[in-house]
Amino acid sequence: MQYLIRNNWGVFFIGFFIAIGDSLFYYESIASIIGFSLMVFSFYLMNLKSKQKK
C-alpha cells in the first residue's frame, strides 16, 4: 500500500489511459468503468499521501 501511496500519479495515468483508450471506440464497457474507478482511487491515495507525516 505504501508503494501505491508514493506512486499515486502512476495509478492515475494507468486509469486515465484505460478509460480514454476504451472510450475512443465509442463503446461503454467494463474497462472504462475500471479506468475511471482507478482515477478516483488515485485521488484517495493523494489524500492519504498529504496526511502522512514526512
PDB file of N, CA and C in Angstrom:
ATOM      1  N   MET A   1       0.828  -1.194   0.000  1.00  0.00           N
ATOM      2  CA  MET A   1       0.000   0.000   0.000  1.00  0.00           C
ATOM      3  C   MET A   1       0.869   1.254   0.000  1.00  0.00           C
ATOM      4  N   GLN A   2       1.975   1.213   0.700  1.00  0.00           N
ATOM      5  CA  GLN A   2       2.867   2.376   0.714  1.00  0.00           C
ATOM      6  C   GLN A   2       3.414   2.674  -0.678  1.00  0.00           C
ATOM      7  N   TYR A   3       3.652   1.619  -1.452  1.00  0.00           N
ATOM      8  CA  TYR A   3       4.129   1.815  -2.821  1.00  0.00           C
ATOM      9  C   TYR A   3       3.083   2.552  -3.653  1.00  0.00           C
ATOM     10  N   LEU A   4       1.819   2.194  -3.494  1.00  0.00           N
ATOM     11  CA  LEU A   4       0.758   2.867  -4.236  1.00  0.00           C
ATOM     12  C   LEU A   4       0.589   4.311  -3.783  1.00  0.00           C
ATOM     13  N   ILE A   5       0.759   4.553  -2.487  1.00  0.00           N
ATOM     14  CA  ILE A   5       0.636   5.920  -1.985  1.00  0.00           C
ATOM     15  C   ILE A   5       1.754   6.786  -2.535  1.00  0.00           C
ATOM     16  N   ARG A   6       2.968   6.238  -2.592  1.00  0.00           N
ATOM     17  CA  ARG A   6       4.093   7.017  -3.120  1.00  0.00           C
ATOM     18  C   ARG A   6       3.966   7.248  -4.626  1.00  0.00           C
ATOM     19  N   ASN A   7       3.392   6.311  -5.346  1.00  0.00           N
ATOM     20  CA  ASN A   7       3.297   6.408  -6.807  1.00  0.00           C
ATOM     21  C   ASN A   7       1.861   6.592  -7.267  1.00  0.00           C
ATOM     22  N   ASN A   8       1.172   7.552  -6.671  1.00  0.00           N
ATOM     23  CA  ASN A   8      -0.238   7.732  -6.976  1.00  0.00           C
ATOM     24  C   ASN A   8      -0.473   8.291  -8.374  1.00  0.00           C
ATOM     25  N   TRP A   9       0.459   9.033  -8.914  1.00  0.00           N
ATOM     26  CA  TRP A   9       0.285   9.550 -10.273  1.00  0.00           C
ATOM     27  C   TRP A   9       0.342   8.431 -11.300  1.00  0.00           C
ATOM     28  N   GLY A  10       1.112   7.402 -11.030  1.00  0.00           N
ATOM     29  CA  GLY A  10       1.145   6.248 -11.918  1.00  0.00           C
ATOM     30  C   GLY A  10      -0.196   5.551 -11.973  1.00  0.00           C
ATOM     31  N   VAL A  11      -0.840   5.422 -10.814  1.00  0.00           N
ATOM     32  CA  VAL A  11      -2.168   4.816 -10.757  1.00  0.00           C
ATOM     33  C   VAL A  11      -3.165   5.675 -11.525  1.00  0.00           C
ATOM     34  N   PHE A  12      -3.040   6.990 -11.389  1.00  0.00           N
ATOM     35  CA  PHE A  12      -3.952   7.892 -12.092  1.00  0.00           C
ATOM     36  C   PHE A  12      -3.815   7.732 -13.604  1.00  0.00           C
ATOM     37  N   PHE A  13      -2.584   7.752 -14.112  1.00  0.00           N
ATOM     38  CA  PHE A  13      -2.405   7.697 -15.552  1.00  0.00           C
ATOM     39  C   PHE A  13      -2.719   6.320 -16.133  1.00  0.00           C
ATOM     40  N   ILE A  14      -2.525   5.269 -15.376  1.00  0.00           N
ATOM     41  CA  ILE A  14      -2.948   3.943 -15.845  1.00  0.00           C
ATOM     42  C   ILE A  14      -4.467   3.927 -15.999  1.00  0.00           C
ATOM     43  N   GLY A  15      -5.170   4.433 -15.012  1.00  0.00           N
ATOM     44  CA  GLY A  15      -6.632   4.511 -15.111  1.00  0.00           C
ATOM     45  C   GLY A  15      -7.085   5.443 -16.216  1.00  0.00           C
ATOM     46  N   PHE A  16      -6.364   6.556 -16.390  1.00  0.00           N
ATOM     47  CA  PHE A  16      -6.699   7.517 -17.441  1.00  0.00           C
ATOM     48  C   PHE A  16      -6.580   6.888 -18.823  1.00  0.00           C
ATOM     49  N   PHE A  17      -5.473   6.196 -19.070  1.00  0.00           N
ATOM     50  CA  PHE A  17      -5.273   5.603 -20.382  1.00  0.00           C
ATOM     51  C   PHE A  17      -6.211   4.429 -20.639  1.00  0.00           C
ATOM     52  N   ILE A  18      -6.571   3.694 -19.606  1.00  0.00           N
ATOM     53  CA  ILE A  18      -7.558   2.622 -19.778  1.00  0.00           C
ATOM     54  C   ILE A  18      -8.916   3.227 -20.131  1.00  0.00           C
ATOM     55  N   ALA A  19      -9.313   4.282 -19.419  1.00  0.00           N
ATOM     56  CA  ALA A  19     -10.620   4.894 -19.661  1.00  0.00           C
ATOM     57  C   ALA A  19     -10.674   5.589 -21.018  1.00  0.00           C
ATOM     58  N   ILE A  20      -9.642   6.328 -21.362  1.00  0.00           N
ATOM     59  CA  ILE A  20      -9.636   7.042 -22.639  1.00  0.00           C
ATOM     60  C   ILE A  20      -9.501   6.072 -23.801  1.00  0.00           C
ATOM     61  N   GLY A  21      -8.653   5.070 -23.658  1.00  0.00           N
ATOM     62  CA  GLY A  21      -8.482   4.087 -24.721  1.00  0.00           C
ATOM     63  C   GLY A  21      -9.755   3.327 -25.011  1.00  0.00           C
ATOM     64  N   ASP A  22     -10.525   3.050 -23.992  1.00  0.00           N
ATOM     65  CA  ASP A  22     -11.778   2.337 -24.197  1.00  0.00           C
ATOM     66  C   ASP A  22     -12.848   3.256 -24.775  1.00  0.00           C
ATOM     67  N   SER A  23     -12.854   4.520 -24.371  1.00  0.00           N
ATOM     68  CA  SER A  23     -13.896   5.418 -24.862  1.00  0.00           C
ATOM     69  C   SER A  23     -13.620   5.908 -26.283  1.00  0.00           C
ATOM     70  N   LEU A  24     -12.437   5.679 -26.800  1.00  0.00           N
ATOM     71  CA  LEU A  24     -12.169   6.055 -28.188  1.00  0.00           C
ATOM     72  C   LEU A  24     -12.969   5.204 -29.170  1.00  0.00           C
ATOM     73  N   PHE A  25     -13.387   4.034 -28.730  1.00  0.00           N
ATOM     74  CA  PHE A  25     -14.148   3.147 -29.601  1.00  0.00           C
ATOM     75  C   PHE A  25     -15.650   3.356 -29.469  1.00  0.00           C
ATOM     76  N   TYR A  26     -16.075   4.385 -28.721  1.00  0.00           N
ATOM     77  CA  TYR A  26     -17.483   4.723 -28.525  1.00  0.00           C
ATOM     78  C   TYR A  26     -18.289   3.534 -28.013  1.00  0.00           C
ATOM     79  N   TYR A  27     -17.708   2.831 -27.075  1.00  0.00           N
ATOM     80  CA  TYR A  27     -18.377   1.642 -26.539  1.00  0.00           C
ATOM     81  C   TYR A  27     -18.211   1.632 -25.037  1.00  0.00           C
ATOM     82  N   GLU A  28     -19.307   1.710 -24.331  1.00  0.00           N
ATOM     83  CA  GLU A  28     -19.256   1.676 -22.868  1.00  0.00           C
ATOM     84  C   GLU A  28     -19.032   0.243 -22.421  1.00  0.00           C
ATOM     85  N   SER A  29     -17.962   0.008 -21.725  1.00  0.00           N
ATOM     86  CA  SER A  29     -17.711  -1.347 -21.255  1.00  0.00           C
ATOM     87  C   SER A  29     -17.127  -1.304 -19.855  1.00  0.00           C
ATOM     88  N   ILE A  30     -16.810  -2.462 -19.371  1.00  0.00           N
ATOM     89  CA  ILE A  30     -16.274  -2.587 -18.020  1.00  0.00           C
ATOM     90  C   ILE A  30     -14.889  -1.952 -17.917  1.00  0.00           C
ATOM     91  N   ALA A  31     -14.150  -1.881 -19.023  1.00  0.00           N
ATOM     92  CA  ALA A  31     -12.816  -1.282 -18.979  1.00  0.00           C
ATOM     93  C   ALA A  31     -12.876   0.207 -18.668  1.00  0.00           C
ATOM     94  N   SER A  32     -13.845   0.904 -19.221  1.00  0.00           N
ATOM     95  CA  SER A  32     -13.957   2.332 -18.913  1.00  0.00           C
ATOM     96  C   SER A  32     -14.353   2.545 -17.463  1.00  0.00           C
ATOM     97  N   ILE A  33     -15.195   1.683 -16.926  1.00  0.00           N
ATOM     98  CA  ILE A  33     -15.582   1.792 -15.518  1.00  0.00           C
ATOM     99  C   ILE A  33     -14.385   1.529 -14.626  1.00  0.00           C
ATOM    100  N   ILE A  34     -13.584   0.532 -14.970  1.00  0.00           N
ATOM    101  CA  ILE A  34     -12.371   0.239 -14.203  1.00  0.00           C
ATOM    102  C   ILE A  34     -11.391   1.399 -14.284  1.00  0.00           C
ATOM    103  N   GLY A  35     -11.230   1.979 -15.461  1.00  0.00           N
ATOM    104  CA  GLY A  35     -10.316   3.112 -15.630  1.00  0.00           C
ATOM    105  C   GLY A  35     -10.713   4.310 -14.794  1.00  0.00           C
ATOM    106  N   PHE A  36     -11.991   4.651 -14.834  1.00  0.00           N
ATOM    107  CA  PHE A  36     -12.447   5.794 -14.051  1.00  0.00           C
ATOM    108  C   PHE A  36     -12.377   5.517 -12.555  1.00  0.00           C
ATOM    109  N   SER A  37     -12.629   4.282 -12.156  1.00  0.00           N
ATOM    110  CA  SER A  37     -12.525   3.969 -10.728  1.00  0.00           C
ATOM    111  C   SER A  37     -11.066   3.996 -10.268  1.00  0.00           C
ATOM    112  N   LEU A  38     -10.125   3.632 -11.126  1.00  0.00           N
ATOM    113  CA  LEU A  38      -8.705   3.766 -10.778  1.00  0.00           C
ATOM    114  C   LEU A  38      -8.318   5.229 -10.613  1.00  0.00           C
ATOM    115  N   MET A  39      -8.874   6.093 -11.446  1.00  0.00           N
ATOM    116  CA  MET A  39      -8.573   7.516 -11.317  1.00  0.00           C
ATOM    117  C   MET A  39      -9.123   8.069 -10.003  1.00  0.00           C
ATOM    118  N   VAL A  40     -10.317   7.667  -9.631  1.00  0.00           N
ATOM    119  CA  VAL A  40     -10.892   8.109  -8.354  1.00  0.00           C
ATOM    120  C   VAL A  40     -10.078   7.557  -7.188  1.00  0.00           C
ATOM    121  N   PHE A  41      -9.644   6.296  -7.290  1.00  0.00           N
ATOM    122  CA  PHE A  41      -8.817   5.684  -6.257  1.00  0.00           C
ATOM    123  C   PHE A  41      -7.488   6.418  -6.108  1.00  0.00           C
ATOM    124  N   SER A  42      -6.938   6.930  -7.215  1.00  0.00           N
ATOM    125  CA  SER A  42      -5.673   7.655  -7.126  1.00  0.00           C
ATOM    126  C   SER A  42      -5.847   8.970  -6.357  1.00  0.00           C
ATOM    127  N   PHE A  43      -7.012   9.600  -6.469  1.00  0.00           N
ATOM    128  CA  PHE A  43      -7.250  10.809  -5.685  1.00  0.00           C
ATOM    129  C   PHE A  43      -7.321  10.481  -4.195  1.00  0.00           C
ATOM    130  N   TYR A  44      -7.858   9.322  -3.868  1.00  0.00           N
ATOM    131  CA  TYR A  44      -7.855   8.873  -2.476  1.00  0.00           C
ATOM    132  C   TYR A  44      -6.406   8.658  -1.997  1.00  0.00           C
ATOM    133  N   LEU A  45      -5.576   8.072  -2.855  1.00  0.00           N
ATOM    134  CA  LEU A  45      -4.171   7.872  -2.493  1.00  0.00           C
ATOM    135  C   LEU A  45      -3.447   9.199  -2.313  1.00  0.00           C
ATOM    136  N   MET A  46      -3.774  10.190  -3.144  1.00  0.00           N
ATOM    137  CA  MET A  46      -3.175  11.522  -2.991  1.00  0.00           C
ATOM    138  C   MET A  46      -3.575  12.135  -1.655  1.00  0.00           C
ATOM    139  N   ASN A  47      -4.813  11.915  -1.246  1.00  0.00           N
ATOM    140  CA  ASN A  47      -5.283  12.405   0.045  1.00  0.00           C
ATOM    141  C   ASN A  47      -4.519  11.734   1.180  1.00  0.00           C
ATOM    142  N   LEU A  48      -4.317  10.418   1.079  1.00  0.00           N
ATOM    143  CA  LEU A  48      -3.563   9.723   2.105  1.00  0.00           C
ATOM    144  C   LEU A  48      -2.113  10.207   2.178  1.00  0.00           C
ATOM    145  N   LYS A  49      -1.520  10.487   1.019  1.00  0.00           N
ATOM    146  CA  LYS A  49      -0.135  10.953   0.996  1.00  0.00           C
ATOM    147  C   LYS A  49      -0.023  12.340   1.636  1.00  0.00           C
ATOM    148  N   SER A  50      -1.011  13.187   1.435  1.00  0.00           N
ATOM    149  CA  SER A  50      -0.943  14.514   2.017  1.00  0.00           C
ATOM    150  C   SER A  50      -1.114  14.479   3.534  1.00  0.00           C
ATOM    151  N   LYS A  51      -1.772  13.447   4.055  1.00  0.00           N
ATOM    152  CA  LYS A  51      -1.975  13.354   5.502  1.00  0.00           C
ATOM    153  C   LYS A  51      -0.842  12.649   6.242  1.00  0.00           C
ATOM    154  N   GLN A  52       0.082  12.034   5.494  1.00  0.00           N
ATOM    155  CA  GLN A  52       1.196  11.331   6.140  1.00  0.00           C
ATOM    156  C   GLN A  52       2.202  12.326   6.702  1.00  0.00           C
ATOM    157  N   LYS A  53       2.831  11.929   7.777  1.00  0.00           N
ATOM    158  CA  LYS A  53       3.924  12.734   8.326  1.00  0.00           C
ATOM    159  C   LYS A  53       5.178  12.436   7.539  1.00  0.00           C
ATOM    160  N   LYS A  54       5.957  13.463   7.279  1.00  0.00           N
ATOM    161  CA  LYS A  54       7.162  13.276   6.467  1.00  0.00           C
ATOM    162  C   LYS A  54       8.365  13.018   7.303  1.00  0.00           C
TER     163      LYS A  54
END
